[in-house]
Each structure stands twice: as structure tokens, then as C-alpha cells.
N, C-alpha and C. Protein backbone atom coordinates (compact mmCIF):
# COMPACT_ATOMS: atom_id res chain seq x y z
N MET A 1 0.91 -1.17 -0.01
CA MET A 1 0.02 -0.01 0.04
C MET A 1 0.92 1.23 -0.02
N GLY A 2 0.54 2.24 -0.82
CA GLY A 2 1.35 3.48 -0.94
C GLY A 2 0.97 4.41 0.21
N LYS A 3 1.60 5.60 0.13
CA LYS A 3 1.27 6.73 1.08
C LYS A 3 0.91 7.98 0.33
N VAL A 4 0.16 8.76 1.09
CA VAL A 4 -0.25 10.04 0.56
C VAL A 4 0.26 11.21 1.41
N ALA A 5 0.79 12.21 0.84
CA ALA A 5 1.18 13.44 1.55
C ALA A 5 0.14 14.44 1.38
N ALA A 6 -0.31 15.10 2.47
CA ALA A 6 -1.38 16.16 2.35
C ALA A 6 -0.85 17.38 3.13
N LYS A 7 -0.94 18.50 2.45
CA LYS A 7 -0.71 19.86 3.10
C LYS A 7 -2.05 20.33 3.59
N MET A 8 -2.16 20.62 4.89
CA MET A 8 -3.41 20.98 5.49
C MET A 8 -3.27 22.45 6.07
N LYS A 9 -4.43 23.04 6.24
CA LYS A 9 -4.44 24.40 6.83
C LYS A 9 -5.41 24.28 8.07
N VAL A 10 -4.82 24.53 9.23
CA VAL A 10 -5.59 24.48 10.47
C VAL A 10 -5.65 25.93 10.98
N MET A 11 -6.93 26.37 11.12
CA MET A 11 -7.19 27.74 11.60
C MET A 11 -7.51 27.68 13.12
N PRO A 12 -6.74 28.49 13.89
CA PRO A 12 -7.06 28.48 15.36
C PRO A 12 -8.27 29.36 15.57
N LYS A 13 -8.95 29.23 16.77
CA LYS A 13 -10.18 29.91 17.06
C LYS A 13 -9.90 31.42 17.25
N SER A 14 -8.72 31.79 17.71
CA SER A 14 -8.39 33.22 17.98
C SER A 14 -6.88 33.42 17.83
N PRO A 15 -6.52 34.68 17.66
CA PRO A 15 -5.09 34.99 17.56
C PRO A 15 -4.31 34.79 18.91
N ASP A 16 -5.14 34.63 19.97
CA ASP A 16 -4.51 34.57 21.30
C ASP A 16 -4.04 33.16 21.63
N ILE A 17 -4.38 32.14 20.78
CA ILE A 17 -4.04 30.79 21.10
C ILE A 17 -2.53 30.51 20.90
N ASP A 18 -1.94 29.82 21.86
CA ASP A 18 -0.56 29.52 21.81
C ASP A 18 -0.37 28.45 20.68
N LEU A 19 0.31 28.83 19.64
CA LEU A 19 0.44 27.95 18.47
C LEU A 19 1.35 26.77 18.72
N ASP A 20 2.34 26.91 19.60
CA ASP A 20 3.24 25.79 19.89
C ASP A 20 2.44 24.71 20.68
N ALA A 21 1.57 25.16 21.54
CA ALA A 21 0.79 24.16 22.29
C ALA A 21 -0.34 23.54 21.44
N LEU A 22 -0.89 24.33 20.47
CA LEU A 22 -1.78 23.75 19.53
C LEU A 22 -1.11 22.77 18.64
N GLN A 23 0.04 23.04 18.21
CA GLN A 23 0.80 22.12 17.33
C GLN A 23 0.99 20.76 18.13
N GLU A 24 1.37 20.86 19.40
CA GLU A 24 1.54 19.65 20.12
C GLU A 24 0.23 18.80 20.23
N ARG A 25 -0.89 19.53 20.47
CA ARG A 25 -2.17 18.90 20.48
C ARG A 25 -2.52 18.14 19.29
N LEU A 26 -2.18 18.82 18.08
CA LEU A 26 -2.45 18.17 16.85
C LEU A 26 -1.64 16.95 16.60
N GLU A 27 -0.38 16.96 16.99
CA GLU A 27 0.46 15.85 16.89
C GLU A 27 -0.05 14.68 17.77
N GLU A 28 -0.56 14.93 18.92
CA GLU A 28 -1.09 13.93 19.84
C GLU A 28 -2.36 13.35 19.37
N SER A 29 -3.15 14.13 18.50
CA SER A 29 -4.42 13.66 18.06
C SER A 29 -4.37 12.77 16.81
N LEU A 30 -3.20 12.60 16.23
CA LEU A 30 -3.08 11.86 14.96
C LEU A 30 -3.63 10.43 15.13
N PRO A 31 -4.40 9.93 14.14
CA PRO A 31 -4.89 8.56 14.13
C PRO A 31 -3.69 7.65 13.84
N GLU A 32 -3.82 6.39 14.15
CA GLU A 32 -2.75 5.39 13.87
C GLU A 32 -2.42 5.33 12.39
N GLY A 33 -1.16 5.22 12.14
CA GLY A 33 -0.67 5.16 10.73
C GLY A 33 -0.28 6.52 10.08
N ALA A 34 -0.83 7.63 10.75
CA ALA A 34 -0.50 8.96 10.23
C ALA A 34 0.62 9.64 10.92
N LYS A 35 1.41 10.47 10.27
CA LYS A 35 2.51 11.17 10.94
C LYS A 35 2.60 12.54 10.30
N ILE A 36 3.09 13.47 11.08
CA ILE A 36 3.32 14.81 10.62
C ILE A 36 4.73 14.93 10.12
N GLN A 37 4.99 15.36 8.91
CA GLN A 37 6.32 15.51 8.35
C GLN A 37 6.92 16.83 8.71
N GLY A 38 6.13 17.87 8.97
CA GLY A 38 6.59 19.20 9.39
C GLY A 38 5.42 20.17 9.56
N PHE A 39 5.67 21.36 10.01
CA PHE A 39 4.72 22.35 10.18
C PHE A 39 5.21 23.64 9.48
N GLY A 40 4.32 24.38 8.85
CA GLY A 40 4.56 25.71 8.38
C GLY A 40 3.54 26.63 9.14
N ARG A 41 3.75 27.96 8.94
CA ARG A 41 2.84 28.89 9.49
C ARG A 41 2.52 29.95 8.45
N ASP A 42 1.22 30.45 8.46
CA ASP A 42 0.79 31.40 7.47
C ASP A 42 0.12 32.52 8.26
N ASP A 43 0.58 33.77 8.07
CA ASP A 43 -0.03 34.96 8.66
C ASP A 43 -1.28 35.20 7.78
N VAL A 44 -2.43 35.09 8.44
CA VAL A 44 -3.67 35.25 7.71
C VAL A 44 -4.17 36.71 7.76
N ALA A 45 -4.51 37.25 8.93
CA ALA A 45 -4.90 38.60 9.03
C ALA A 45 -5.18 38.95 10.49
N PHE A 46 -4.91 40.25 10.80
CA PHE A 46 -5.27 40.76 12.19
C PHE A 46 -4.56 39.94 13.23
N GLY A 47 -3.34 39.46 13.07
CA GLY A 47 -2.64 38.70 14.05
C GLY A 47 -2.94 37.21 14.08
N LEU A 48 -3.88 36.79 13.25
CA LEU A 48 -4.25 35.33 13.22
C LEU A 48 -3.27 34.58 12.28
N VAL A 49 -2.74 33.51 12.85
CA VAL A 49 -1.80 32.66 12.11
C VAL A 49 -2.27 31.20 12.02
N ALA A 50 -2.34 30.78 10.76
CA ALA A 50 -2.76 29.37 10.49
C ALA A 50 -1.57 28.45 10.63
N LEU A 51 -1.77 27.20 11.09
CA LEU A 51 -0.72 26.15 11.09
C LEU A 51 -0.92 25.37 9.79
N LEU A 52 0.16 25.04 9.23
CA LEU A 52 0.21 24.29 7.94
C LEU A 52 0.96 22.94 8.05
N PRO A 53 0.29 21.90 8.66
CA PRO A 53 1.02 20.62 8.85
C PRO A 53 1.05 19.88 7.48
N ALA A 54 2.16 19.23 7.28
CA ALA A 54 2.30 18.29 6.16
C ALA A 54 2.11 16.89 6.76
N VAL A 55 1.06 16.21 6.33
CA VAL A 55 0.73 14.94 6.98
C VAL A 55 0.90 13.80 5.98
N ILE A 56 1.51 12.72 6.45
CA ILE A 56 1.65 11.49 5.63
C ILE A 56 0.67 10.42 6.20
N VAL A 57 -0.16 9.93 5.25
CA VAL A 57 -1.15 8.93 5.64
C VAL A 57 -1.14 7.69 4.74
N PRO A 58 -1.56 6.58 5.13
CA PRO A 58 -1.63 5.42 4.21
C PRO A 58 -2.60 5.74 3.06
N ASP A 59 -2.43 5.19 1.88
CA ASP A 59 -3.24 5.38 0.76
C ASP A 59 -4.35 4.36 0.73
N ASP A 60 -5.35 4.52 1.61
CA ASP A 60 -6.42 3.61 1.64
C ASP A 60 -7.84 4.37 1.63
N ALA A 61 -8.87 3.66 1.75
CA ALA A 61 -10.18 4.28 1.77
C ALA A 61 -10.27 5.35 2.84
N GLY A 62 -10.81 6.52 2.49
CA GLY A 62 -10.89 7.61 3.43
C GLY A 62 -9.84 8.68 3.35
N GLY A 63 -8.67 8.28 2.88
CA GLY A 63 -7.57 9.22 2.69
C GLY A 63 -7.30 10.04 3.94
N THR A 64 -7.45 11.30 3.84
CA THR A 64 -7.09 12.25 4.90
C THR A 64 -8.30 12.49 5.90
N GLU A 65 -9.42 11.85 5.64
CA GLU A 65 -10.60 12.11 6.45
C GLU A 65 -10.39 11.88 7.90
N ALA A 66 -9.73 10.81 8.35
CA ALA A 66 -9.56 10.53 9.70
C ALA A 66 -8.65 11.62 10.43
N VAL A 67 -7.71 12.13 9.67
CA VAL A 67 -6.82 13.20 10.20
C VAL A 67 -7.62 14.46 10.26
N GLU A 68 -8.46 14.78 9.33
CA GLU A 68 -9.28 15.99 9.38
C GLU A 68 -10.17 15.93 10.56
N GLU A 69 -10.83 14.77 10.81
CA GLU A 69 -11.71 14.71 11.90
C GLU A 69 -11.00 14.80 13.26
N ALA A 70 -9.82 14.20 13.36
CA ALA A 70 -9.02 14.23 14.57
C ALA A 70 -8.60 15.69 14.88
N PHE A 71 -8.11 16.39 13.82
CA PHE A 71 -7.73 17.78 14.01
C PHE A 71 -8.83 18.73 14.42
N ALA A 72 -10.01 18.45 13.79
CA ALA A 72 -11.21 19.27 14.06
C ALA A 72 -11.67 19.12 15.48
N GLY A 73 -11.38 18.01 16.13
CA GLY A 73 -11.75 17.71 17.52
C GLY A 73 -10.81 18.27 18.57
N VAL A 74 -9.67 18.86 18.07
CA VAL A 74 -8.71 19.41 19.06
C VAL A 74 -9.10 20.78 19.61
N GLU A 75 -8.91 20.92 20.85
CA GLU A 75 -9.25 22.23 21.51
C GLU A 75 -8.52 23.37 20.90
N GLY A 76 -9.19 24.41 20.50
CA GLY A 76 -8.61 25.62 19.98
C GLY A 76 -8.59 25.66 18.46
N VAL A 77 -9.11 24.61 17.75
CA VAL A 77 -9.14 24.61 16.31
C VAL A 77 -10.53 25.09 15.85
N GLU A 78 -10.46 26.08 14.95
CA GLU A 78 -11.71 26.59 14.38
C GLU A 78 -12.12 25.84 13.12
N SER A 79 -11.11 25.53 12.23
CA SER A 79 -11.44 24.79 10.96
C SER A 79 -10.15 24.06 10.45
N VAL A 80 -10.45 23.03 9.64
CA VAL A 80 -9.35 22.20 9.04
C VAL A 80 -9.68 22.14 7.55
N LYS A 81 -8.67 22.44 6.72
CA LYS A 81 -8.93 22.35 5.29
C LYS A 81 -7.70 21.69 4.64
N VAL A 82 -7.91 20.73 3.68
CA VAL A 82 -6.87 20.08 2.92
C VAL A 82 -6.52 21.05 1.75
N GLU A 83 -5.27 21.50 1.71
CA GLU A 83 -4.79 22.44 0.70
C GLU A 83 -4.32 21.74 -0.57
N GLU A 84 -3.50 20.65 -0.36
CA GLU A 84 -2.86 19.86 -1.44
C GLU A 84 -2.80 18.42 -1.04
N VAL A 85 -2.88 17.55 -2.02
CA VAL A 85 -2.66 16.11 -1.73
C VAL A 85 -1.93 15.46 -2.94
N GLY A 86 -1.03 14.64 -2.60
CA GLY A 86 -0.16 13.96 -3.63
C GLY A 86 0.30 12.59 -3.09
N ARG A 87 0.54 11.70 -4.09
CA ARG A 87 1.04 10.38 -3.67
C ARG A 87 2.57 10.42 -3.58
N LEU A 88 3.07 9.60 -2.64
CA LEU A 88 4.49 9.44 -2.46
C LEU A 88 5.02 8.19 -3.15
């Protein structure tokens, strides 16, 4: 089975959220078989900064859906969006 790399955009609920702590919570929430290859950050507006995790997941049914659901359930996350997906 192959693997898929996905660049995601995670928006925090407010500009006051500690991004380092949010990043740790995202890493802890990953479903089995998924891993984070790295994080980027994107200044959105008015002090709000989005996290841009690069996630590697197995290429099976559902793709990034389990990761999206896990990230959406993390405290401090407003929204989760898949920006890019590609096979490895």
C-alpha cells in the first residue's frame, strides 16, 4: 500500500491561542498510521496565524478524512482544510 502526503491548513479559534501548544495537541491527536512531516505557518490577518501541517497517511479508503476529523476535535481549532494532496 502506498502513502499520501497532504498539506493542510488548520485555523485556530483566535489570535490569542498558543500555536506551539496547539501544534503539540495536533500531533497527539493523529490517528494510527498517520504522521506529521513538518509544520509551516501562514499569517492570515489581524494577528491570526494558521498552522500548515504536512501529513503522511496510508493510501487507503478515506484518505485524509480521519486526520481531518481528529484535528477538528482538538481544543482551539476553528477549521481544518486540505490544501494539497499527492502520492508518495
